[in-house]
């Protein structure tokens, strides 16, 4: 079963550094009215407390807007809805994704609901976006990423660009969140998109850029 438009996105938060990305992404999902299946691991909750000061579910709700389309699942319940390929899904993102989680998904061990849901996304040929923040990367990390890429996942490191002239940390966070939403085919207004070479009001590009035959 491939991804289904209008179906929920499964969103996993694990214990790698990068909690501001998770909070902003959850808020963006809620702002766009995206149905969500949310799974926060034990270390994901610890991460939220340490990096953002969010120490409870009520505080997470207060920081991320309307939860009317969010279903929260226990990360230890490997029999919950996201564990089944028969449950329609638009895809899955794990942000941030710890290297332990990434390694388990690469090995197919499914130790908890986050990892099982990712395994389901791969076997059902649905979008799976993994957002690691680790640096530097060992050969083991790179080999696991390669294996998952070959299996169909998108490995999207939390590495923001600077061509949009960011002025705040929020600008950097938005850059990564916008790319995640793009890969899930969710329309949004997060961040600024790159544009260059267009002639204003014509729809054409400047001479010497795209559209010319190569010589």
Protein backbone atom coordinates (compact mmCIF):
# COMPACT_ATOMS: atom_id res chain seq x y z
CA UNK A 1 0.00 0.00 0.00
CA UNK A 2 1.57 3.30 -1.09
CA UNK A 3 1.13 6.69 0.60
CA UNK A 4 -2.43 8.00 0.68
CA UNK A 5 -3.24 11.71 0.27
CA UNK A 6 -5.22 12.99 3.24
CA UNK A 7 -4.08 10.11 5.46
CA UNK A 8 -2.13 10.85 8.65
CA UNK A 9 1.61 11.43 8.73
CA UNK A 10 3.46 9.42 11.37
CA UNK A 11 5.89 11.63 13.30
CA UNK A 12 8.54 10.16 15.57
CA UNK A 13 10.67 12.19 17.98
CA UNK A 14 13.74 10.43 19.38
CA UNK A 15 16.64 11.35 21.63
CA UNK A 16 19.12 12.96 19.24
CA UNK A 17 19.89 16.62 19.77
CA UNK A 18 17.61 18.87 17.73
CA UNK A 19 14.44 19.37 19.77
CA UNK A 20 13.72 22.83 18.26
CA UNK A 21 13.31 21.15 14.87
CA UNK A 22 10.77 18.72 16.34
CA UNK A 23 8.74 21.43 18.06
CA UNK A 24 8.67 23.65 14.97
CA UNK A 25 7.75 20.74 12.73
CA UNK A 26 4.90 19.71 15.01
CA UNK A 27 3.63 23.28 15.00
CA UNK A 28 3.87 23.39 11.20
CA UNK A 29 1.88 20.17 10.88
CA UNK A 30 -0.80 21.67 13.11
CA UNK A 31 -0.79 24.97 11.20
CA UNK A 32 -1.37 23.11 7.93
CA UNK A 33 -4.12 20.92 9.40
CA UNK A 34 -2.16 17.73 8.72
CA UNK A 35 -3.56 14.62 10.49
CA UNK A 36 -0.80 13.24 12.65
CA UNK A 37 0.20 10.09 14.50
CA UNK A 38 2.76 11.28 17.04
CA UNK A 39 5.20 8.97 18.80
CA UNK A 40 7.72 10.38 21.29
CA UNK A 41 10.33 8.01 22.66
CA UNK A 42 11.45 8.07 26.29
CA UNK A 43 14.62 9.89 25.34
CA UNK A 44 12.60 12.11 23.01
CA UNK A 45 10.71 13.44 26.03
CA UNK A 46 13.99 13.92 27.88
CA UNK A 47 15.38 15.80 24.88
CA UNK A 48 12.39 18.14 24.74
CA UNK A 49 12.87 18.97 28.43
CA UNK A 50 16.62 19.56 28.16
CA UNK A 51 16.70 21.58 24.93
CA UNK A 52 13.40 23.46 24.94
CA UNK A 53 12.19 23.37 28.56
CA UNK A 54 9.08 21.42 27.52
CA UNK A 55 8.61 18.99 30.39
CA UNK A 56 5.08 17.71 29.92
CA UNK A 57 2.44 16.91 27.34
CA UNK A 58 0.48 20.03 28.30
CA UNK A 59 3.55 22.19 27.69
CA UNK A 60 4.14 20.53 24.30
CA UNK A 61 0.53 21.22 23.34
CA UNK A 62 0.83 24.85 24.44
CA UNK A 63 3.93 25.32 22.25
CA UNK A 64 2.58 23.70 19.09
CA UNK A 65 -0.96 24.92 18.48
CA UNK A 66 -4.16 23.04 17.63
CA UNK A 67 -3.97 19.34 18.53
CA UNK A 68 -7.42 18.44 17.18
CA UNK A 69 -5.86 16.28 14.44
CA UNK A 70 -3.07 14.73 16.53
CA UNK A 71 -3.17 11.20 17.95
CA UNK A 72 -0.45 10.46 20.51
CA UNK A 73 0.88 6.90 20.89
CA UNK A 74 2.98 5.16 23.53
CA UNK A 75 6.42 4.50 22.04
CA UNK A 76 6.55 1.13 23.83
CA UNK A 77 3.26 -0.12 22.32
CA UNK A 78 4.49 -2.01 19.26
CA UNK A 79 0.94 -3.16 18.55
CA UNK A 80 -0.54 0.33 18.10
CA UNK A 81 -2.04 1.56 14.81
CA UNK A 82 1.23 2.87 13.24
CA UNK A 83 2.68 -0.65 13.53
CA UNK A 84 0.37 -1.99 10.83
CA UNK A 85 0.74 -1.60 7.10
CA UNK A 86 -3.05 -1.85 6.76
CA UNK A 87 -3.44 1.58 8.42
CA UNK A 88 -3.44 4.27 5.69
CA UNK A 89 -0.53 6.67 5.97
CA UNK A 90 0.92 9.56 4.01
CA UNK A 91 4.41 8.65 5.18
CA UNK A 92 6.66 9.06 8.20
CA UNK A 93 9.31 11.43 9.49
CA UNK A 94 11.62 10.95 12.46
CA UNK A 95 12.96 14.30 13.63
CA UNK A 96 15.37 14.31 15.24
CA UNK A 97 16.52 10.78 14.50
CA UNK A 98 19.13 9.34 16.83
CA UNK A 99 21.87 7.17 15.39
CA UNK A 100 20.63 4.29 17.56
CA UNK A 101 17.18 4.60 16.00
CA UNK A 102 18.66 4.88 12.53
CA UNK A 103 20.79 1.78 13.09
CA UNK A 104 17.82 -0.23 14.37
CA UNK A 105 15.72 0.72 11.34
CA UNK A 106 18.59 -0.24 9.05
CA UNK A 107 18.78 -3.63 10.78
CA UNK A 108 15.00 -4.09 10.92
CA UNK A 109 14.95 -4.87 14.64
CA UNK A 110 11.85 -2.77 15.54
CA UNK A 111 12.59 -2.36 19.23
CA UNK A 112 9.78 0.16 19.80
CA UNK A 113 6.84 1.75 17.97
CA UNK A 114 8.95 4.45 16.28
CA UNK A 115 11.21 1.84 14.74
CA UNK A 116 8.35 -0.51 13.85
CA UNK A 117 6.43 2.30 12.15
CA UNK A 118 9.55 3.15 10.12
CA UNK A 119 9.90 -0.49 9.14
CA UNK A 120 6.27 -0.42 7.97
CA UNK A 121 6.91 2.71 5.89
CA UNK A 122 9.76 0.96 4.11
CA UNK A 123 7.93 -2.28 3.44
CA UNK A 124 4.82 -0.45 2.21
CA UNK A 125 6.97 1.79 -0.04
CA UNK A 126 5.80 4.96 1.70
CA UNK A 127 7.91 8.09 2.26
CA UNK A 128 10.28 7.75 5.20
CA UNK A 129 12.32 10.83 6.12
CA UNK A 130 15.06 10.51 8.72
CA UNK A 131 16.56 13.71 10.16
CA UNK A 132 19.82 12.97 12.00
CA UNK A 133 21.89 15.74 13.58
CA UNK A 134 24.96 13.77 14.63
CA UNK A 135 28.39 15.13 13.71
CA UNK A 136 30.97 13.97 12.83
CA UNK A 137 29.76 10.76 11.23
CA UNK A 138 31.49 7.42 11.62
CA UNK A 139 31.74 4.81 8.89
CA UNK A 140 29.05 2.83 10.73
CA UNK A 141 26.70 5.83 10.57
CA UNK A 142 27.39 6.34 6.86
CA UNK A 143 26.90 2.67 6.03
CA UNK A 144 23.57 2.62 7.89
CA UNK A 145 22.45 5.74 6.02
CA UNK A 146 23.48 4.17 2.72
CA UNK A 147 21.57 1.00 3.50
CA UNK A 148 18.43 2.97 4.36
CA UNK A 149 18.73 5.14 1.26
CA UNK A 150 18.92 2.00 -0.87
CA UNK A 151 15.82 0.70 0.94
CA UNK A 152 13.90 3.83 -0.05
CA UNK A 153 14.31 6.23 2.87
CA UNK A 154 15.34 9.86 2.55
CA UNK A 155 18.17 10.77 4.92
CA UNK A 156 17.92 14.52 5.50
CA UNK A 157 20.55 15.76 7.95
CA UNK A 158 19.57 18.81 10.00
CA UNK A 159 21.97 21.00 8.04
CA UNK A 160 20.36 24.36 7.20
CA UNK A 161 21.51 26.49 4.29
CA UNK A 162 22.64 30.11 4.49
CA UNK A 163 21.82 31.46 1.03
CA UNK A 164 18.56 32.92 2.39
CA UNK A 165 20.55 35.14 4.78
CA UNK A 166 19.16 33.81 8.09
CA UNK A 167 18.98 36.34 10.90
CA UNK A 168 17.75 34.15 13.74
CA UNK A 169 17.94 30.56 14.96
CA UNK A 170 14.28 30.27 13.98
CA UNK A 171 15.25 31.02 10.37
CA UNK A 172 17.72 28.13 10.43
CA UNK A 173 15.18 25.78 11.99
CA UNK A 174 12.54 26.79 9.42
CA UNK A 175 14.92 25.94 6.57
CA UNK A 176 15.07 22.28 7.64
CA UNK A 177 11.38 22.06 8.54
CA UNK A 178 10.40 23.45 5.12
CA UNK A 179 12.44 20.77 3.35
CA UNK A 180 10.74 18.04 5.41
CA UNK A 181 7.29 19.35 4.51
CA UNK A 182 8.28 19.55 0.84
CA UNK A 183 9.27 15.89 0.81
CA UNK A 184 5.91 14.95 2.34
CA UNK A 185 4.17 17.01 -0.37
CA UNK A 186 2.52 19.27 2.21
CA UNK A 187 1.77 22.84 1.11
CA UNK A 188 3.14 25.37 3.57
CA UNK A 189 4.46 28.88 4.04
CA UNK A 190 7.47 28.04 6.20
CA UNK A 191 10.65 29.91 5.33
CA UNK A 192 11.69 31.49 2.03
CA UNK A 193 12.30 29.65 -1.23
CA UNK A 194 15.26 30.33 -3.48
CA UNK A 195 14.57 32.23 -6.70
CA UNK A 196 17.15 33.59 -9.11
CA UNK A 197 17.34 34.61 -12.78
CA UNK A 198 13.67 35.35 -13.46
CA UNK A 199 12.73 38.52 -15.34
CA UNK A 200 10.04 40.22 -13.31
CA UNK A 201 6.61 39.96 -14.90
CA UNK A 202 7.66 37.81 -17.87
CA UNK A 203 8.03 34.30 -16.50
CA UNK A 204 11.27 34.08 -18.49
CA UNK A 205 14.76 33.53 -17.19
CA UNK A 206 17.76 35.75 -17.79
CA UNK A 207 19.80 35.01 -20.88
CA UNK A 208 22.51 32.52 -20.23
CA UNK A 209 20.69 30.55 -17.51
CA UNK A 210 18.04 27.80 -17.62
CA UNK A 211 16.23 27.24 -20.89
CA UNK A 212 19.18 27.67 -23.27
CA UNK A 213 20.56 24.77 -25.18
CA UNK A 214 23.97 23.71 -24.01
CA UNK A 215 26.82 24.19 -26.41
